[in-house]
Amino acid sequence: MEIILSLAIGILAGSGIWLVLRPRTFQFIMGLSLLSYAVNLFIFAMGRIHLGTPPVISTELGADPSLYADPLPQALVLTAIVIGFATTALFLVVLLANRGFTGTDHVDGREEQA
């Protein structure tokens, strides 16, 4: 499970960096989204992957911290997802406004040469 998660984080981060380096604004925005997904998965994985464990202390299991999931990474990732969605929506609105003003979606305003 850990190797699959590590590969997913690496592929998302690599694809995000590749898209961020592209000249078009839409590709840049998608690259930032992929990078945020990679960081969210990384933060989520830092909270230890335990299936079926409660995030809060219960009286039946006692106070052994190895029996519980860490709720802090889950809360951080949930907050990051909401903030990432809002920033992506803002970037897309700015992209549409910029495209309306300049007629292109390139970062430098010039058309791509073939």
PDB file of N, CA and C in Angstrom:
ATOM      1  N   MET A   1       0.817  -1.195   0.000  1.00  0.00           N
ATOM      2  CA  MET A   1       0.000   0.000   0.000  1.00  0.00           C
ATOM      3  C   MET A   1       0.865   1.265   0.000  1.00  0.00           C
ATOM      4  N   GLU A   2       1.974   1.207   0.775  1.00  0.00           N
ATOM      5  CA  GLU A   2       2.830   2.390   0.869  1.00  0.00           C
ATOM      6  C   GLU A   2       3.509   2.694  -0.458  1.00  0.00           C
ATOM      7  N   ILE A   3       3.898   1.654  -1.206  1.00  0.00           N
ATOM      8  CA  ILE A   3       4.579   1.882  -2.487  1.00  0.00           C
ATOM      9  C   ILE A   3       3.609   2.479  -3.510  1.00  0.00           C
ATOM     10  N   ILE A   4       2.360   2.056  -3.489  1.00  0.00           N
ATOM     11  CA  ILE A   4       1.356   2.610  -4.404  1.00  0.00           C
ATOM     12  C   ILE A   4       1.100   4.080  -4.076  1.00  0.00           C
ATOM     13  N   LEU A   5       0.996   4.379  -2.790  1.00  0.00           N
ATOM     14  CA  LEU A   5       0.788   5.764  -2.368  1.00  0.00           C
ATOM     15  C   LEU A   5       1.994   6.627  -2.727  1.00  0.00           C
ATOM     16  N   SER A   6       3.194   6.106  -2.528  1.00  0.00           N
ATOM     17  CA  SER A   6       4.406   6.854  -2.881  1.00  0.00           C
ATOM     18  C   SER A   6       4.484   7.101  -4.382  1.00  0.00           C
ATOM     19  N   LEU A   7       4.146   6.104  -5.177  1.00  0.00           N
ATOM     20  CA  LEU A   7       4.141   6.278  -6.630  1.00  0.00           C
ATOM     21  C   LEU A   7       3.088   7.300  -7.069  1.00  0.00           C
ATOM     22  N   ALA A   8       1.925   7.253  -6.450  1.00  0.00           N
ATOM     23  CA  ALA A   8       0.874   8.214  -6.795  1.00  0.00           C
ATOM     24  C   ALA A   8       1.316   9.639  -6.465  1.00  0.00           C
ATOM     25  N   ILE A   9       1.939   9.823  -5.305  1.00  0.00           N
ATOM     26  CA  ILE A   9       2.422  11.155  -4.927  1.00  0.00           C
ATOM     27  C   ILE A   9       3.504  11.614  -5.899  1.00  0.00           C
ATOM     28  N   GLY A  10       4.424  10.726  -6.256  1.00  0.00           N
ATOM     29  CA  GLY A  10       5.495  11.079  -7.184  1.00  0.00           C
ATOM     30  C   GLY A  10       4.993  11.414  -8.573  1.00  0.00           C
ATOM     31  N   ILE A  11       4.034  10.634  -9.073  1.00  0.00           N
ATOM     32  CA  ILE A  11       3.481  10.888 -10.408  1.00  0.00           C
ATOM     33  C   ILE A  11       2.699  12.195 -10.428  1.00  0.00           C
ATOM     34  N   LEU A  12       1.902  12.446  -9.390  1.00  0.00           N
ATOM     35  CA  LEU A  12       1.158  13.703  -9.324  1.00  0.00           C
ATOM     36  C   LEU A  12       2.099  14.901  -9.233  1.00  0.00           C
ATOM     37  N   ALA A  13       3.141  14.784  -8.412  1.00  0.00           N
ATOM     38  CA  ALA A  13       4.078  15.899  -8.264  1.00  0.00           C
ATOM     39  C   ALA A  13       4.861  16.129  -9.555  1.00  0.00           C
ATOM     40  N   GLY A  14       5.327  15.052 -10.183  1.00  0.00           N
ATOM     41  CA  GLY A  14       6.067  15.192 -11.435  1.00  0.00           C
ATOM     42  C   GLY A  14       5.223  15.769 -12.550  1.00  0.00           C
ATOM     43  N   SER A  15       3.991  15.302 -12.661  1.00  0.00           N
ATOM     44  CA  SER A  15       3.088  15.834 -13.688  1.00  0.00           C
ATOM     45  C   SER A  15       2.749  17.295 -13.403  1.00  0.00           C
ATOM     46  N   GLY A  16       2.566  17.620 -12.135  1.00  0.00           N
ATOM     47  CA  GLY A  16       2.268  19.001 -11.770  1.00  0.00           C
ATOM     48  C   GLY A  16       3.418  19.939 -12.088  1.00  0.00           C
ATOM     49  N   ILE A  17       4.641  19.524 -11.797  1.00  0.00           N
ATOM     50  CA  ILE A  17       5.803  20.359 -12.112  1.00  0.00           C
ATOM     51  C   ILE A  17       5.944  20.523 -13.617  1.00  0.00           C
ATOM     52  N   TRP A  18       5.732  19.442 -14.367  1.00  0.00           N
ATOM     53  CA  TRP A  18       5.826  19.528 -15.832  1.00  0.00           C
ATOM     54  C   TRP A  18       4.796  20.507 -16.382  1.00  0.00           C
ATOM     55  N   LEU A  19       3.569  20.461 -15.857  1.00  0.00           N
ATOM     56  CA  LEU A  19       2.525  21.370 -16.340  1.00  0.00           C
ATOM     57  C   LEU A  19       2.767  22.815 -15.899  1.00  0.00           C
ATOM     58  N   VAL A  20       3.347  23.008 -14.736  1.00  0.00           N
ATOM     59  CA  VAL A  20       3.641  24.365 -14.282  1.00  0.00           C
ATOM     60  C   VAL A  20       4.667  25.027 -15.197  1.00  0.00           C
ATOM     61  N   LEU A  21       5.554  24.241 -15.771  1.00  0.00           N
ATOM     62  CA  LEU A  21       6.596  24.791 -16.646  1.00  0.00           C
ATOM     63  C   LEU A  21       6.114  25.032 -18.073  1.00  0.00           C
ATOM     64  N   ARG A  22       4.873  24.713 -18.380  1.00  0.00           N
ATOM     65  CA  ARG A  22       4.327  24.930 -19.721  1.00  0.00           C
ATOM     66  C   ARG A  22       3.956  26.403 -19.905  1.00  0.00           C
ATOM     67  N   PRO A  23       3.918  26.907 -21.161  1.00  0.00           N
ATOM     68  CA  PRO A  23       3.676  28.338 -21.367  1.00  0.00           C
ATOM     69  C   PRO A  23       2.215  28.778 -21.281  1.00  0.00           C
ATOM     70  N   ARG A  24       1.284  27.863 -21.398  1.00  0.00           N
ATOM     71  CA  ARG A  24      -0.126  28.266 -21.381  1.00  0.00           C
ATOM     72  C   ARG A  24      -0.644  28.370 -19.952  1.00  0.00           C
ATOM     73  N   THR A  25      -1.534  29.325 -19.736  1.00  0.00           N
ATOM     74  CA  THR A  25      -2.035  29.598 -18.398  1.00  0.00           C
ATOM     75  C   THR A  25      -2.889  28.452 -17.867  1.00  0.00           C
ATOM     76  N   PHE A  26      -3.723  27.853 -18.713  1.00  0.00           N
ATOM     77  CA  PHE A  26      -4.573  26.754 -18.261  1.00  0.00           C
ATOM     78  C   PHE A  26      -3.735  25.560 -17.811  1.00  0.00           C
ATOM     79  N   GLN A  27      -2.676  25.262 -18.541  1.00  0.00           N
ATOM     80  CA  GLN A  27      -1.795  24.166 -18.143  1.00  0.00           C
ATOM     81  C   GLN A  27      -1.112  24.486 -16.819  1.00  0.00           C
ATOM     82  N   PHE A  28      -0.757  25.740 -16.615  1.00  0.00           N
ATOM     83  CA  PHE A  28      -0.156  26.170 -15.359  1.00  0.00           C
ATOM     84  C   PHE A  28      -1.121  25.954 -14.196  1.00  0.00           C
ATOM     85  N   ILE A  29      -2.380  26.313 -14.391  1.00  0.00           N
ATOM     86  CA  ILE A  29      -3.386  26.150 -13.336  1.00  0.00           C
ATOM     87  C   ILE A  29      -3.604  24.667 -13.031  1.00  0.00           C
ATOM     88  N   MET A  30      -3.663  23.836 -14.050  1.00  0.00           N
ATOM     89  CA  MET A  30      -3.830  22.407 -13.822  1.00  0.00           C
ATOM     90  C   MET A  30      -2.605  21.811 -13.115  1.00  0.00           C
ATOM     91  N   GLY A  31      -1.424  22.325 -13.437  1.00  0.00           N
ATOM     92  CA  GLY A  31      -0.212  21.882 -12.756  1.00  0.00           C
ATOM     93  C   GLY A  31      -0.234  22.229 -11.282  1.00  0.00           C
ATOM     94  N   LEU A  32      -0.694  23.431 -10.958  1.00  0.00           N
ATOM     95  CA  LEU A  32      -0.823  23.810  -9.553  1.00  0.00           C
ATOM     96  C   LEU A  32      -1.829  22.920  -8.829  1.00  0.00           C
ATOM     97  N   SER A  33      -2.902  22.561  -9.511  1.00  0.00           N
ATOM     98  CA  SER A  33      -3.896  21.664  -8.902  1.00  0.00           C
ATOM     99  C   SER A  33      -3.291  20.289  -8.624  1.00  0.00           C
ATOM    100  N   LEU A  34      -2.542  19.762  -9.593  1.00  0.00           N
ATOM    101  CA  LEU A  34      -1.911  18.454  -9.379  1.00  0.00           C
ATOM    102  C   LEU A  34      -0.886  18.501  -8.256  1.00  0.00           C
ATOM    103  N   LEU A  35      -0.143  19.595  -8.171  1.00  0.00           N
ATOM    104  CA  LEU A  35       0.815  19.742  -7.069  1.00  0.00           C
ATOM    105  C   LEU A  35       0.096  19.802  -5.721  1.00  0.00           C
ATOM    106  N   SER A  36      -1.032  20.483  -5.673  1.00  0.00           N
ATOM    107  CA  SER A  36      -1.771  20.541  -4.407  1.00  0.00           C
ATOM    108  C   SER A  36      -2.328  19.164  -4.036  1.00  0.00           C
ATOM    109  N   TYR A  37      -2.761  18.390  -5.031  1.00  0.00           N
ATOM    110  CA  TYR A  37      -3.218  17.025  -4.739  1.00  0.00           C
ATOM    111  C   TYR A  37      -2.080  16.167  -4.202  1.00  0.00           C
ATOM    112  N   ALA A  38      -0.884  16.324  -4.772  1.00  0.00           N
ATOM    113  CA  ALA A  38       0.270  15.555  -4.307  1.00  0.00           C
ATOM    114  C   ALA A  38       0.623  15.927  -2.872  1.00  0.00           C
ATOM    115  N   VAL A  39       0.599  17.208  -2.558  1.00  0.00           N
ATOM    116  CA  VAL A  39       0.908  17.655  -1.200  1.00  0.00           C
ATOM    117  C   VAL A  39      -0.177  17.174  -0.227  1.00  0.00           C
ATOM    118  N   ASN A  40      -1.439  17.205  -0.648  1.00  0.00           N
ATOM    119  CA  ASN A  40      -2.516  16.711   0.213  1.00  0.00           C
ATOM    120  C   ASN A  40      -2.348  15.229   0.515  1.00  0.00           C
ATOM    121  N   LEU A  41      -2.017  14.439  -0.494  1.00  0.00           N
ATOM    122  CA  LEU A  41      -1.784  13.010  -0.257  1.00  0.00           C
ATOM    123  C   LEU A  41      -0.594  12.790   0.664  1.00  0.00           C
ATOM    124  N   PHE A  42       0.456  13.595   0.488  1.00  0.00           N
ATOM    125  CA  PHE A  42       1.631  13.465   1.342  1.00  0.00           C
ATOM    126  C   PHE A  42       1.291  13.778   2.801  1.00  0.00           C
ATOM    127  N   ILE A  43       0.557  14.870   3.028  1.00  0.00           N
ATOM    128  CA  ILE A  43       0.165  15.227   4.393  1.00  0.00           C
ATOM    129  C   ILE A  43      -0.744  14.153   4.980  1.00  0.00           C
ATOM    130  N   PHE A  44      -1.655  13.638   4.164  1.00  0.00           N
ATOM    131  CA  PHE A  44      -2.566  12.594   4.637  1.00  0.00           C
ATOM    132  C   PHE A  44      -1.805  11.323   5.005  1.00  0.00           C
ATOM    133  N   ALA A  45      -0.771  11.001   4.236  1.00  0.00           N
ATOM    134  CA  ALA A  45       0.023   9.804   4.517  1.00  0.00           C
ATOM    135  C   ALA A  45       0.865   9.957   5.779  1.00  0.00           C
ATOM    136  N   MET A  46       1.201  11.182   6.139  1.00  0.00           N
ATOM    137  CA  MET A  46       2.001  11.410   7.343  1.00  0.00           C
ATOM    138  C   MET A  46       1.216  11.085   8.609  1.00  0.00           C
ATOM    139  N   GLY A  47      -0.093  11.016   8.526  1.00  0.00           N
ATOM    140  CA  GLY A  47      -0.925  10.694   9.681  1.00  0.00           C
ATOM    141  C   GLY A  47      -1.066   9.203   9.898  1.00  0.00           C
ATOM    142  N   ARG A  48      -0.220   8.404   9.313  1.00  0.00           N
ATOM    143  CA  ARG A  48      -0.234   6.938   9.386  1.00  0.00           C
ATOM    144  C   ARG A  48      -1.517   6.389   8.770  1.00  0.00           C
ATOM    145  N   ILE A  49      -1.355   5.435   7.898  1.00  0.00           N
ATOM    146  CA  ILE A  49      -2.500   4.833   7.222  1.00  0.00           C
ATOM    147  C   ILE A  49      -2.966   3.639   8.043  1.00  0.00           C
ATOM    148  N   HIS A  50      -4.075   3.813   8.728  1.00  0.00           N
ATOM    149  CA  HIS A  50      -4.694   2.735   9.499  1.00  0.00           C
ATOM    150  C   HIS A  50      -6.141   2.639   9.062  1.00  0.00           C
ATOM    151  N   LEU A  51      -6.553   1.452   8.677  1.00  0.00           N
ATOM    152  CA  LEU A  51      -7.937   1.256   8.263  1.00  0.00           C
ATOM    153  C   LEU A  51      -8.775   0.826   9.464  1.00  0.00           C
ATOM    154  N   GLY A  52      -9.900   1.478   9.645  1.00  0.00           N
ATOM    155  CA  GLY A  52     -10.851   1.082  10.678  1.00  0.00           C
ATOM    156  C   GLY A  52     -10.470   1.496  12.086  1.00  0.00           C
ATOM    157  N   THR A  53      -9.528   2.426  12.253  1.00  0.00           N
ATOM    158  CA  THR A  53      -9.188   2.878  13.598  1.00  0.00           C
ATOM    159  C   THR A  53      -9.880   4.208  13.875  1.00  0.00           C
ATOM    160  N   PRO A  54     -10.351   4.404  15.084  1.00  0.00           N
ATOM    161  CA  PRO A  54     -11.053   5.657  15.392  1.00  0.00           C
ATOM    162  C   PRO A  54     -10.075   6.816  15.533  1.00  0.00           C
ATOM    163  N   PRO A  55     -10.481   8.036  15.163  1.00  0.00           N
ATOM    164  CA  PRO A  55      -9.600   9.194  15.304  1.00  0.00           C
ATOM    165  C   PRO A  55      -9.591   9.800  16.704  1.00  0.00           C
ATOM    166  N   VAL A  56     -10.499   9.373  17.558  1.00  0.00           N
ATOM    167  CA  VAL A  56     -10.559   9.898  18.919  1.00  0.00           C
ATOM    168  C   VAL A  56     -10.395   8.763  19.912  1.00  0.00           C
ATOM    169  N   ILE A  57     -10.026   9.092  21.134  1.00  0.00           N
ATOM    170  CA  ILE A  57      -9.773   8.080  22.164  1.00  0.00           C
ATOM    171  C   ILE A  57     -11.103   7.536  22.674  1.00  0.00           C
ATOM    172  N   SER A  58     -11.201   6.218  22.693  1.00  0.00           N
ATOM    173  CA  SER A  58     -12.406   5.584  23.236  1.00  0.00           C
ATOM    174  C   SER A  58     -12.049   4.868  24.539  1.00  0.00           C
ATOM    175  N   THR A  59     -13.021   4.690  25.393  1.00  0.00           N
ATOM    176  CA  THR A  59     -12.771   4.060  26.693  1.00  0.00           C
ATOM    177  C   THR A  59     -12.505   2.568  26.558  1.00  0.00           C
ATOM    178  N   GLU A  60     -12.984   1.930  25.480  1.00  0.00           N
ATOM    179  CA  GLU A  60     -12.783   0.484  25.320  1.00  0.00           C
ATOM    180  C   GLU A  60     -11.337   0.144  24.957  1.00  0.00           C
ATOM    181  N   LEU A  61     -10.692   1.006  24.149  1.00  0.00           N
ATOM    182  CA  LEU A  61      -9.343   0.701  23.669  1.00  0.00           C
ATOM    183  C   LEU A  61      -8.250   1.207  24.598  1.00  0.00           C
ATOM    184  N   GLY A  62      -8.550   2.113  25.486  1.00  0.00           N
ATOM    185  CA  GLY A  62      -7.532   2.652  26.382  1.00  0.00           C
ATOM    186  C   GLY A  62      -6.863   3.868  25.773  1.00  0.00           C
ATOM    187  N   ALA A  63      -5.709   4.238  26.337  1.00  0.00           N
ATOM    188  CA  ALA A  63      -5.032   5.467  25.920  1.00  0.00           C
ATOM    189  C   ALA A  63      -3.763   5.190  25.121  1.00  0.00           C
ATOM    190  N   ASP A  64      -3.642   4.033  24.481  1.00  0.00           N
ATOM    191  CA  ASP A  64      -2.457   3.725  23.670  1.00  0.00           C
ATOM    192  C   ASP A  64      -2.567   4.461  22.333  1.00  0.00           C
ATOM    193  N   PRO A  65      -1.637   5.410  22.044  1.00  0.00           N
ATOM    194  CA  PRO A  65      -1.761   6.203  20.817  1.00  0.00           C
ATOM    195  C   PRO A  65      -1.537   5.407  19.532  1.00  0.00           C
ATOM    196  N   SER A  66      -0.966   4.229  19.614  1.00  0.00           N
ATOM    197  CA  SER A  66      -0.750   3.436  18.407  1.00  0.00           C
ATOM    198  C   SER A  66      -2.037   2.807  17.886  1.00  0.00           C
ATOM    199  N   LEU A  67      -3.100   2.854  18.669  1.00  0.00           N
ATOM    200  CA  LEU A  67      -4.381   2.271  18.261  1.00  0.00           C
ATOM    201  C   LEU A  67      -5.288   3.262  17.547  1.00  0.00           C
ATOM    202  N   TYR A  68      -4.846   4.504  17.398  1.00  0.00           N
ATOM    203  CA  TYR A  68      -5.716   5.551  16.875  1.00  0.00           C
ATOM    204  C   TYR A  68      -5.126   6.189  15.628  1.00  0.00           C
ATOM    205  N   ALA A  69      -5.999   6.726  14.803  1.00  0.00           N
ATOM    206  CA  ALA A  69      -5.577   7.521  13.651  1.00  0.00           C
ATOM    207  C   ALA A  69      -5.379   8.956  14.123  1.00  0.00           C
ATOM    208  N   ASP A  70      -4.442   9.656  13.489  1.00  0.00           N
ATOM    209  CA  ASP A  70      -4.172  11.045  13.847  1.00  0.00           C
ATOM    210  C   ASP A  70      -5.179  11.938  13.123  1.00  0.00           C
ATOM    211  N   PRO A  71      -6.020  12.681  13.826  1.00  0.00           N
ATOM    212  CA  PRO A  71      -7.034  13.508  13.161  1.00  0.00           C
ATOM    213  C   PRO A  71      -6.485  14.806  12.573  1.00  0.00           C
ATOM    214  N   LEU A  72      -5.302  15.247  12.985  1.00  0.00           N
ATOM    215  CA  LEU A  72      -4.779  16.516  12.512  1.00  0.00           C
ATOM    216  C   LEU A  72      -4.492  16.523  11.008  1.00  0.00           C
ATOM    217  N   PRO A  73      -3.812  15.504  10.440  1.00  0.00           N
ATOM    218  CA  PRO A  73      -3.622  15.521   8.985  1.00  0.00           C
ATOM    219  C   PRO A  73      -4.932  15.472   8.207  1.00  0.00           C
ATOM    220  N   GLN A  74      -5.920  14.780   8.735  1.00  0.00           N
ATOM    221  CA  GLN A  74      -7.213  14.738   8.062  1.00  0.00           C
ATOM    222  C   GLN A  74      -7.852  16.120   8.033  1.00  0.00           C
ATOM    223  N   ALA A  75      -7.766  16.839   9.132  1.00  0.00           N
ATOM    224  CA  ALA A  75      -8.329  18.190   9.182  1.00  0.00           C
ATOM    225  C   ALA A  75      -7.543  19.145   8.275  1.00  0.00           C
ATOM    226  N   LEU A  76      -6.210  19.012   8.252  1.00  0.00           N
ATOM    227  CA  LEU A  76      -5.393  19.867   7.390  1.00  0.00           C
ATOM    228  C   LEU A  76      -5.689  19.624   5.916  1.00  0.00           C
ATOM    229  N   VAL A  77      -5.834  18.361   5.532  1.00  0.00           N
ATOM    230  CA  VAL A  77      -6.111  18.040   4.134  1.00  0.00           C
ATOM    231  C   VAL A  77      -7.502  18.524   3.740  1.00  0.00           C
ATOM    232  N   LEU A  78      -8.471  18.383   4.615  1.00  0.00           N
ATOM    233  CA  LEU A  78      -9.815  18.869   4.311  1.00  0.00           C
ATOM    234  C   LEU A  78      -9.812  20.378   4.102  1.00  0.00           C
ATOM    235  N   THR A  79      -9.096  21.093   4.953  1.00  0.00           N
ATOM    236  CA  THR A  79      -8.985  22.537   4.797  1.00  0.00           C
ATOM    237  C   THR A  79      -8.244  22.888   3.513  1.00  0.00           C
ATOM    238  N   ALA A  80      -7.181  22.152   3.198  1.00  0.00           N
ATOM    239  CA  ALA A  80      -6.401  22.420   1.984  1.00  0.00           C
ATOM    240  C   ALA A  80      -7.223  22.151   0.724  1.00  0.00           C
ATOM    241  N   ILE A  81      -8.093  21.164   0.755  1.00  0.00           N
ATOM    242  CA  ILE A  81      -8.945  20.880  -0.403  1.00  0.00           C
ATOM    243  C   ILE A  81      -9.891  22.052  -0.662  1.00  0.00           C
ATOM    244  N   VAL A  82     -10.493  22.580   0.403  1.00  0.00           N
ATOM    245  CA  VAL A  82     -11.420  23.709   0.251  1.00  0.00           C
ATOM    246  C   VAL A  82     -10.680  24.949  -0.260  1.00  0.00           C
ATOM    247  N   ILE A  83      -9.516  25.236   0.308  1.00  0.00           N
ATOM    248  CA  ILE A  83      -8.740  26.394  -0.126  1.00  0.00           C
ATOM    249  C   ILE A  83      -8.250  26.204  -1.558  1.00  0.00           C
ATOM    250  N   GLY A  84      -7.816  24.989  -1.904  1.00  0.00           N
ATOM    251  CA  GLY A  84      -7.361  24.710  -3.268  1.00  0.00           C
ATOM    252  C   GLY A  84      -8.469  24.867  -4.285  1.00  0.00           C
ATOM    253  N   PHE A  85      -9.663  24.436  -3.939  1.00  0.00           N
ATOM    254  CA  PHE A  85     -10.801  24.601  -4.846  1.00  0.00           C
ATOM    255  C   PHE A  85     -11.112  26.073  -5.065  1.00  0.00           C
ATOM    256  N   ALA A  86     -11.073  26.860  -3.993  1.00  0.00           N
ATOM    257  CA  ALA A  86     -11.363  28.286  -4.115  1.00  0.00           C
ATOM    258  C   ALA A  86     -10.299  28.995  -4.946  1.00  0.00           C
ATOM    259  N   THR A  87      -9.035  28.640  -4.738  1.00  0.00           N
ATOM    260  CA  THR A  87      -7.974  29.302  -5.517  1.00  0.00           C
ATOM    261  C   THR A  87      -8.031  28.892  -6.967  1.00  0.00           C
ATOM    262  N   THR A  88      -8.345  27.650  -7.250  1.00  0.00           N
ATOM    263  CA  THR A  88      -8.470  27.220  -8.641  1.00  0.00           C
ATOM    264  C   THR A  88      -9.612  27.962  -9.333  1.00  0.00           C
ATOM    265  N   ALA A  89     -10.721  28.125  -8.641  1.00  0.00           N
ATOM    266  CA  ALA A  89     -11.833  28.889  -9.219  1.00  0.00           C
ATOM    267  C   ALA A  89     -11.432  30.334  -9.474  1.00  0.00           C
ATOM    268  N   LEU A  90     -10.693  30.939  -8.545  1.00  0.00           N
ATOM    269  CA  LEU A  90     -10.223  32.302  -8.730  1.00  0.00           C
ATOM    270  C   LEU A  90      -9.267  32.395  -9.917  1.00  0.00           C
ATOM    271  N   PHE A  91      -8.336  31.452 -10.028  1.00  0.00           N
ATOM    272  CA  PHE A  91      -7.393  31.446 -11.152  1.00  0.00           C
ATOM    273  C   PHE A  91      -8.112  31.294 -12.482  1.00  0.00           C
ATOM    274  N   LEU A  92      -9.151  30.468 -12.525  1.00  0.00           N
ATOM    275  CA  LEU A  92      -9.884  30.287 -13.778  1.00  0.00           C
ATOM    276  C   LEU A  92     -10.638  31.555 -14.170  1.00  0.00           C
ATOM    277  N   VAL A  93     -11.177  32.279 -13.202  1.00  0.00           N
ATOM    278  CA  VAL A  93     -11.851  33.540 -13.507  1.00  0.00           C
ATOM    279  C   VAL A  93     -10.848  34.564 -14.025  1.00  0.00           C
ATOM    280  N   VAL A  94      -9.673  34.628 -13.399  1.00  0.00           N
ATOM    281  CA  VAL A  94      -8.633  35.542 -13.865  1.00  0.00           C
ATOM    282  C   VAL A  94      -8.166  35.130 -15.261  1.00  0.00           C
ATOM    283  N   LEU A  95      -8.065  33.825 -15.530  1.00  0.00           N
ATOM    284  CA  LEU A  95      -7.689  33.332 -16.853  1.00  0.00           C
ATOM    285  C   LEU A  95      -8.691  33.773 -17.908  1.00  0.00           C
ATOM    286  N   LEU A  96      -9.972  33.629 -17.614  1.00  0.00           N
ATOM    287  CA  LEU A  96     -11.000  34.039 -18.571  1.00  0.00           C
ATOM    288  C   LEU A  96     -10.979  35.541 -18.807  1.00  0.00           C
ATOM    289  N   ALA A  97     -10.763  36.323 -17.755  1.00  0.00           N
ATOM    290  CA  ALA A  97     -10.690  37.770 -17.922  1.00  0.00           C
ATOM    291  C   ALA A  97      -9.459  38.156 -18.740  1.00  0.00           C
ATOM    292  N   ASN A  98      -8.329  37.533 -18.469  1.00  0.00           N
ATOM    293  CA  ASN A  98      -7.101  37.817 -19.214  1.00  0.00           C
ATOM    294  C   ASN A  98      -7.244  37.422 -20.676  1.00  0.00           C
ATOM    295  N   ARG A  99      -7.900  36.299 -20.918  1.00  0.00           N
ATOM    296  CA  ARG A  99      -8.097  35.866 -22.297  1.00  0.00           C
ATOM    297  C   ARG A  99      -9.031  36.823 -23.039  1.00  0.00           C
ATOM    298  N   GLY A 100     -10.008  37.373 -22.336  1.00  0.00           N
ATOM    299  CA  GLY A 100     -10.890  38.358 -22.954  1.00  0.00           C
ATOM    300  C   GLY A 100     -10.172  39.651 -23.304  1.00  0.00           C
ATOM    301  N   PHE A 101      -9.218  40.047 -22.477  1.00  0.00           N
ATOM    302  CA  PHE A 101      -8.465  41.284 -22.733  1.00  0.00           C
ATOM    303  C   PHE A 101      -7.414  41.110 -23.811  1.00  0.00           C
ATOM    304  N   THR A 102      -6.678  39.986 -23.773  1.00  0.00           N
ATOM    305  CA  THR A 102      -5.543  39.815 -24.683  1.00  0.00           C
ATOM    306  C   THR A 102      -5.864  38.949 -25.885  1.00  0.00           C
ATOM    307  N   GLY A 103      -6.874  38.103 -25.810  1.00  0.00           N
ATOM    308  CA  GLY A 103      -7.211  37.214 -26.915  1.00  0.00           C
ATOM    309  C   GLY A 103      -6.404  35.927 -26.938  1.00  0.00           C
ATOM    310  N   THR A 104      -5.541  35.696 -25.951  1.00  0.00           N
ATOM    311  CA  THR A 104      -4.752  34.470 -25.873  1.00  0.00           C
ATOM    312  C   THR A 104      -4.621  34.062 -24.413  1.00  0.00           C
ATOM    313  N   ASP A 105      -4.258  32.810 -24.188  1.00  0.00           N
ATOM    314  CA  ASP A 105      -4.073  32.354 -22.816  1.00  0.00           C
ATOM    315  C   ASP A 105      -2.610  32.044 -22.506  1.00  0.00           C
ATOM    316  N   HIS A 106      -1.702  32.574 -23.302  1.00  0.00           N
ATOM    317  CA  HIS A 106      -0.282  32.405 -23.015  1.00  0.00           C
ATOM    318  C   HIS A 106       0.124  33.324 -21.885  1.00  0.00           C
ATOM    319  N   VAL A 107       1.127  32.909 -21.160  1.00  0.00           N
ATOM    320  CA  VAL A 107       1.608  33.700 -20.035  1.00  0.00           C
ATOM    321  C   VAL A 107       2.215  35.009 -20.513  1.00  0.00           C
ATOM    322  N   ASP A 108       2.984  34.975 -21.614  1.00  0.00           N
ATOM    323  CA  ASP A 108       3.639  36.182 -22.093  1.00  0.00           C
ATOM    324  C   ASP A 108       2.804  36.932 -23.122  1.00  0.00           C
ATOM    325  N   GLY A 109       1.627  36.427 -23.483  1.00  0.00           N
ATOM    326  CA  GLY A 109       0.745  37.127 -24.407  1.00  0.00           C
ATOM    327  C   GLY A 109       1.012  36.836 -25.871  1.00  0.00           C
ATOM    328  N   ARG A 110       2.027  36.051 -26.176  1.00  0.00           N
ATOM    329  CA  ARG A 110       2.326  35.740 -27.577  1.00  0.00           C
ATOM    330  C   ARG A 110       1.769  34.365 -27.926  1.00  0.00           C
ATOM    331  N   GLU A 111       1.496  34.167 -29.210  1.00  0.00           N
ATOM    332  CA  GLU A 111       1.037  32.877 -29.695  1.00  0.00           C
ATOM    333  C   GLU A 111       2.193  31.897 -29.754  1.00  0.00           C
ATOM    334  N   GLU A 112       1.891  30.632 -29.565  1.00  0.00           N
ATOM    335  CA  GLU A 112       2.911  29.589 -29.611  1.00  0.00           C
ATOM    336  C   GLU A 112       3.321  29.325 -31.056  1.00  0.00           C
ATOM    337  N   GLN A 113       4.627  29.233 -31.299  1.00  0.00           N
ATOM    338  CA  GLN A 113       5.115  28.961 -32.640  1.00  0.00           C
ATOM    339  C   GLN A 113       5.259  27.466 -32.834  1.00  0.00           C
ATOM    340  N   ALA A 114       4.835  26.958 -33.984  1.00  0.00           N
ATOM    341  CA  ALA A 114       4.856  25.521 -34.221  1.00  0.00           C
ATOM    342  C   ALA A 114       6.181  25.010 -34.644  1.00  0.00           C
TER     343      ALA A 114
END
